[in-house]
């Protein structure tokens, strides 16, 4: 059975190749909504949710590159 991994904002940002500031902006403005867990005053992300978000936002390769 696979263990569910909770990641900090920094870990999630590094995993996605972005910054914590960008994750905060997305969360506050509802852009690129990624499910998150509020743990007291901390925000955590499930690795599984990050992977699903990547799959859902994957774009086909363009012939015009």
N, C-alpha and C. Protein backbone atom coordinates (compact mmCIF):
# COMPACT_ATOMS: atom_id res chain seq x y z
N UNK A 1 0.84 -1.18 0.00
CA UNK A 1 0.00 0.00 0.00
C UNK A 1 0.89 1.25 0.00
N UNK A 2 0.60 2.18 -0.90
CA UNK A 2 1.41 3.38 -1.01
C UNK A 2 1.03 4.37 0.09
N UNK A 3 2.05 4.93 0.70
CA UNK A 3 1.85 5.91 1.76
C UNK A 3 1.58 7.28 1.14
N UNK A 4 0.59 7.97 1.67
CA UNK A 4 0.29 9.33 1.20
C UNK A 4 1.30 10.29 1.80
N UNK A 5 1.89 11.09 0.96
CA UNK A 5 2.96 11.99 1.38
C UNK A 5 2.44 13.42 1.40
N UNK A 6 2.51 14.05 2.59
CA UNK A 6 2.18 15.47 2.71
C UNK A 6 3.45 16.27 2.55
N UNK A 7 3.39 17.28 1.70
CA UNK A 7 4.57 18.11 1.43
C UNK A 7 4.33 19.52 1.94
N UNK A 8 5.39 20.15 2.39
CA UNK A 8 5.32 21.56 2.77
C UNK A 8 5.16 22.39 1.50
N UNK A 9 4.87 23.67 1.69
CA UNK A 9 4.76 24.55 0.52
C UNK A 9 6.08 24.61 -0.25
N UNK A 10 7.18 24.66 0.48
CA UNK A 10 8.49 24.71 -0.18
C UNK A 10 8.74 23.44 -0.97
N UNK A 11 8.45 22.28 -0.38
CA UNK A 11 8.65 21.01 -1.08
C UNK A 11 7.76 20.93 -2.31
N UNK A 12 6.51 21.37 -2.17
CA UNK A 12 5.57 21.34 -3.30
C UNK A 12 6.04 22.27 -4.41
N UNK A 13 6.49 23.46 -4.03
CA UNK A 13 6.98 24.41 -5.03
C UNK A 13 8.18 23.85 -5.77
N UNK A 14 9.11 23.26 -5.05
CA UNK A 14 10.29 22.67 -5.69
C UNK A 14 9.89 21.52 -6.60
N UNK A 15 8.93 20.72 -6.16
CA UNK A 15 8.46 19.58 -6.96
C UNK A 15 7.86 20.07 -8.29
N UNK A 16 7.14 21.20 -8.23
CA UNK A 16 6.50 21.74 -9.43
C UNK A 16 7.41 22.66 -10.23
N UNK A 17 8.57 22.99 -9.67
CA UNK A 17 9.50 23.88 -10.36
C UNK A 17 9.04 25.33 -10.33
N UNK A 18 8.43 25.72 -9.23
CA UNK A 18 7.96 27.09 -9.08
C UNK A 18 8.36 27.60 -7.70
N UNK A 19 7.74 28.68 -7.26
CA UNK A 19 8.07 29.25 -5.96
C UNK A 19 6.88 29.15 -5.00
N UNK A 20 7.17 29.30 -3.72
CA UNK A 20 6.11 29.32 -2.71
C UNK A 20 5.19 30.51 -2.98
N UNK A 21 5.78 31.62 -3.37
CA UNK A 21 4.99 32.81 -3.68
C UNK A 21 3.97 32.54 -4.79
N UNK A 22 4.40 31.82 -5.81
CA UNK A 22 3.48 31.47 -6.90
C UNK A 22 2.36 30.57 -6.40
N UNK A 23 2.69 29.57 -5.58
CA UNK A 23 1.65 28.70 -5.01
C UNK A 23 0.65 29.52 -4.20
N UNK A 24 1.16 30.45 -3.40
CA UNK A 24 0.28 31.30 -2.60
C UNK A 24 -0.63 32.13 -3.49
N UNK A 25 -0.08 32.69 -4.55
CA UNK A 25 -0.88 33.50 -5.49
C UNK A 25 -1.96 32.63 -6.13
N UNK A 26 -1.59 31.46 -6.61
CA UNK A 26 -2.58 30.56 -7.22
C UNK A 26 -3.69 30.23 -6.23
N UNK A 27 -3.32 29.93 -4.99
CA UNK A 27 -4.30 29.54 -3.99
C UNK A 27 -5.24 30.70 -3.66
N UNK A 28 -4.70 31.90 -3.49
CA UNK A 28 -5.51 33.05 -3.11
C UNK A 28 -6.41 33.55 -4.23
N UNK A 29 -5.98 33.39 -5.47
CA UNK A 29 -6.75 33.89 -6.61
C UNK A 29 -7.52 32.79 -7.34
N UNK A 30 -7.38 31.54 -6.88
CA UNK A 30 -8.11 30.44 -7.50
C UNK A 30 -7.58 30.05 -8.87
N UNK A 31 -6.38 30.54 -9.22
CA UNK A 31 -5.79 30.18 -10.51
C UNK A 31 -5.02 28.88 -10.33
N UNK A 32 -5.12 27.99 -11.31
CA UNK A 32 -4.44 26.69 -11.23
C UNK A 32 -4.72 26.01 -9.90
N UNK A 33 -6.01 25.78 -9.59
CA UNK A 33 -6.35 25.25 -8.27
C UNK A 33 -5.77 23.86 -8.00
N UNK A 34 -4.96 23.79 -7.00
CA UNK A 34 -4.39 22.53 -6.54
C UNK A 34 -4.95 22.29 -5.15
N UNK A 35 -5.56 21.12 -4.91
CA UNK A 35 -6.08 20.85 -3.57
C UNK A 35 -4.97 20.96 -2.53
N UNK A 36 -5.31 21.47 -1.36
CA UNK A 36 -4.34 21.59 -0.28
C UNK A 36 -5.00 21.26 1.04
N UNK A 37 -4.18 21.04 2.04
CA UNK A 37 -4.64 20.73 3.39
C UNK A 37 -4.21 21.88 4.28
N UNK A 38 -5.14 22.41 5.04
CA UNK A 38 -4.79 23.44 6.02
C UNK A 38 -4.59 22.71 7.35
N UNK A 39 -3.38 22.79 7.88
CA UNK A 39 -3.00 22.10 9.10
C UNK A 39 -2.66 23.18 10.12
N UNK A 40 -3.66 23.63 10.87
CA UNK A 40 -3.45 24.77 11.74
C UNK A 40 -3.25 26.00 10.87
N UNK A 41 -2.10 26.66 11.03
CA UNK A 41 -1.80 27.81 10.19
C UNK A 41 -0.86 27.44 9.05
N UNK A 42 -0.68 26.16 8.83
CA UNK A 42 0.21 25.69 7.75
C UNK A 42 -0.58 25.14 6.59
N UNK A 43 0.02 25.25 5.42
CA UNK A 43 -0.57 24.71 4.19
C UNK A 43 0.30 23.53 3.76
N UNK A 44 -0.34 22.41 3.48
CA UNK A 44 0.36 21.21 3.01
C UNK A 44 -0.30 20.73 1.73
N UNK A 45 0.47 20.02 0.94
CA UNK A 45 -0.02 19.46 -0.32
C UNK A 45 0.26 17.97 -0.34
N UNK A 46 -0.72 17.20 -0.82
CA UNK A 46 -0.49 15.77 -1.03
C UNK A 46 0.27 15.60 -2.34
N UNK A 47 1.32 14.81 -2.31
CA UNK A 47 2.10 14.57 -3.53
C UNK A 47 1.20 14.02 -4.63
N UNK A 48 0.28 13.16 -4.27
CA UNK A 48 -0.67 12.57 -5.22
C UNK A 48 -1.49 13.67 -5.92
N UNK A 49 -1.91 14.70 -5.18
CA UNK A 49 -2.66 15.80 -5.78
C UNK A 49 -1.80 16.60 -6.74
N UNK A 50 -0.53 16.79 -6.40
CA UNK A 50 0.38 17.50 -7.30
C UNK A 50 0.56 16.72 -8.60
N UNK A 51 0.73 15.41 -8.47
CA UNK A 51 0.90 14.56 -9.66
C UNK A 51 -0.35 14.60 -10.54
N UNK A 52 -1.52 14.55 -9.90
CA UNK A 52 -2.78 14.62 -10.66
C UNK A 52 -2.94 15.96 -11.35
N UNK A 53 -2.56 17.04 -10.66
CA UNK A 53 -2.64 18.38 -11.25
C UNK A 53 -1.75 18.48 -12.48
N UNK A 54 -0.54 17.91 -12.39
CA UNK A 54 0.38 17.91 -13.53
C UNK A 54 -0.25 17.17 -14.71
N UNK A 55 -0.82 15.99 -14.46
CA UNK A 55 -1.44 15.20 -15.54
C UNK A 55 -2.61 15.95 -16.17
N UNK A 56 -3.44 16.61 -15.34
CA UNK A 56 -4.61 17.33 -15.84
C UNK A 56 -4.23 18.56 -16.66
N UNK A 57 -3.07 19.13 -16.39
CA UNK A 57 -2.65 20.35 -17.07
C UNK A 57 -1.59 20.11 -18.15
N UNK A 58 -1.34 18.88 -18.45
CA UNK A 58 -0.38 18.53 -19.49
C UNK A 58 -0.94 18.93 -20.85
N UNK A 59 -0.12 19.59 -21.64
CA UNK A 59 -0.53 20.06 -22.96
C UNK A 59 0.14 19.21 -24.03
N UNK A 60 -0.55 18.99 -25.14
CA UNK A 60 0.06 18.22 -26.22
C UNK A 60 1.21 19.01 -26.84
N UNK A 61 2.16 18.29 -27.37
CA UNK A 61 3.29 18.93 -28.04
C UNK A 61 2.81 19.65 -29.28
N UNK A 62 3.37 20.81 -29.52
CA UNK A 62 2.99 21.60 -30.68
C UNK A 62 3.94 21.31 -31.84
N UNK A 63 3.42 21.27 -33.02
CA UNK A 63 4.22 21.04 -34.22
C UNK A 63 4.96 22.32 -34.62
N UNK A 64 4.56 23.48 -34.05
CA UNK A 64 5.08 24.78 -34.46
C UNK A 64 6.20 25.29 -33.57
N UNK A 65 6.84 24.46 -32.83
CA UNK A 65 7.92 24.93 -31.94
C UNK A 65 9.21 25.06 -32.69
